[in-house]
Amino acid sequence: VTEKEIRERLRQKGSPAGQQEASKDVYFIQAGSFQNPADADNQKARLAILGFESSVEPANLPDKGTWYRVRMGPYAKLEEINKVRQVLAQSGIDANLIKVKDQ
């Protein structure tokens, strides 16, 4: 999810259509992806020290092997996501926003 999409979603929040659409989206913050599971566990511990709960999810990628994603969430409110991303950025953690449709 790009910064532009986040700003657009915040603008739509005030409209009824925007509120309905926002309720169908679920977001995760990915705070890293590592080939070594120990590196993923270290990142998870670093997040715990900052007060965030996260999980390590293995992902089998074709031609790349297994990568271990460190994810936080799910989140539904963009204001909460922005606060978390700000804390992560201040701590030097590069985080990506991942959007999935709720089923």
Protein backbone atom coordinates (compact mmCIF):
# COMPACT_ATOMS: atom_id res chain seq x y z
CA VAL A 1 0.00 0.00 0.00
CA THR A 2 1.43 3.36 -0.97
CA GLU A 3 1.36 6.59 1.02
CA LYS A 4 -0.99 8.01 -1.63
CA GLU A 5 -3.48 5.17 -1.02
CA ILE A 6 -3.33 5.80 2.74
CA ARG A 7 -4.05 9.52 2.28
CA GLU A 8 -6.91 8.74 -0.11
CA ARG A 9 -8.42 6.26 2.36
CA LEU A 10 -8.25 8.86 5.15
CA ARG A 11 -10.07 11.37 2.89
CA GLN A 12 -12.80 8.84 2.12
CA LYS A 13 -13.27 8.01 5.79
CA GLY A 14 -15.84 10.78 6.24
CA SER A 15 -18.15 9.49 3.51
CA PRO A 16 -20.55 6.56 4.08
CA ALA A 17 -19.13 4.70 1.05
CA GLY A 18 -15.61 5.14 2.44
CA GLN A 19 -16.64 3.77 5.82
CA GLN A 20 -18.23 0.71 4.22
CA GLU A 21 -15.18 0.05 2.06
CA ALA A 22 -12.77 0.55 4.96
CA SER A 23 -14.59 -2.06 7.04
CA LYS A 24 -13.85 -4.71 4.38
CA ASP A 25 -10.10 -4.10 4.38
CA VAL A 26 -7.67 -5.57 6.86
CA TYR A 27 -4.12 -4.29 7.15
CA PHE A 28 -0.91 -5.78 8.48
CA ILE A 29 2.36 -3.99 9.05
CA GLN A 30 5.31 -6.02 7.80
CA ALA A 31 8.42 -5.07 9.76
CA GLY A 32 10.81 -7.24 7.81
CA SER A 33 11.33 -10.35 5.74
CA PHE A 34 14.33 -12.58 6.39
CA GLN A 35 15.82 -15.74 4.92
CA ASN A 36 17.21 -16.71 8.32
CA PRO A 37 14.51 -17.54 10.91
CA ALA A 38 16.84 -16.35 13.70
CA ASP A 39 16.93 -12.87 12.12
CA ALA A 40 13.13 -12.84 12.04
CA ASP A 41 13.00 -13.85 15.70
CA ASN A 42 15.46 -11.07 16.56
CA GLN A 43 13.23 -8.54 14.81
CA LYS A 44 10.20 -9.90 16.66
CA ALA A 45 12.08 -9.44 19.95
CA ARG A 46 13.07 -5.90 18.98
CA LEU A 47 9.40 -5.09 18.34
CA ALA A 48 8.44 -6.62 21.69
CA ILE A 49 10.91 -4.32 23.44
CA LEU A 50 9.12 -1.41 21.75
CA GLY A 51 5.80 -2.77 23.09
CA PHE A 52 4.45 -4.33 19.89
CA GLU A 53 3.17 -7.85 19.44
CA SER A 54 4.19 -9.49 16.17
CA SER A 55 4.33 -12.89 14.54
CA VAL A 56 6.78 -14.65 12.23
CA GLU A 57 5.13 -16.18 9.18
CA PRO A 58 7.07 -18.44 6.81
CA ALA A 59 6.41 -17.83 3.11
CA ASN A 60 7.61 -20.18 0.38
CA LEU A 61 8.61 -18.06 -2.59
CA PRO A 62 9.25 -19.70 -5.97
CA ASP A 63 12.96 -19.68 -6.87
CA LYS A 64 13.81 -17.92 -3.59
CA GLY A 65 13.06 -20.52 -0.93
CA THR A 66 11.46 -19.82 2.43
CA TRP A 67 11.43 -16.29 3.79
CA TYR A 68 10.24 -15.40 7.28
CA ARG A 69 7.96 -12.37 7.45
CA VAL A 70 7.62 -10.39 10.66
CA ARG A 71 4.09 -8.99 10.74
CA MET A 72 2.01 -6.96 13.15
CA GLY A 73 -1.75 -6.76 13.11
CA PRO A 74 -4.40 -7.06 11.90
CA TYR A 75 -5.38 -3.41 11.94
CA ALA A 76 -8.56 -1.83 10.62
CA LYS A 77 -8.04 1.85 11.51
CA LEU A 78 -5.55 3.85 9.47
CA GLU A 79 -4.97 6.30 12.33
CA GLU A 80 -3.69 3.44 14.49
CA ILE A 81 -1.51 2.17 11.63
CA ASN A 82 0.05 5.59 11.13
CA LYS A 83 0.88 5.88 14.85
CA VAL A 84 2.57 2.47 14.84
CA ARG A 85 4.50 3.22 11.64
CA GLN A 86 5.69 6.52 13.13
CA VAL A 87 7.09 4.75 16.22
CA LEU A 88 8.76 2.14 14.01
CA ALA A 89 10.31 4.80 11.78
CA GLN A 90 11.66 6.66 14.83
CA SER A 91 13.26 3.36 15.92
CA GLY A 92 14.87 2.81 12.53
CA ILE A 93 12.56 -0.03 11.49
CA ASP A 94 11.44 0.06 7.87
CA ALA A 95 7.86 -1.18 7.72
CA ASN A 96 5.50 -1.88 4.83
CA LEU A 97 1.74 -1.79 4.94
CA ILE A 98 0.04 -4.93 3.60
CA LYS A 99 -3.66 -4.83 2.70
CA VAL A 100 -5.81 -7.94 2.51
CA LYS A 101 -9.54 -8.17 1.84
CA ASP A 102 -11.60 -9.47 4.74
CA GLN A 103 -13.63 -12.53 3.80
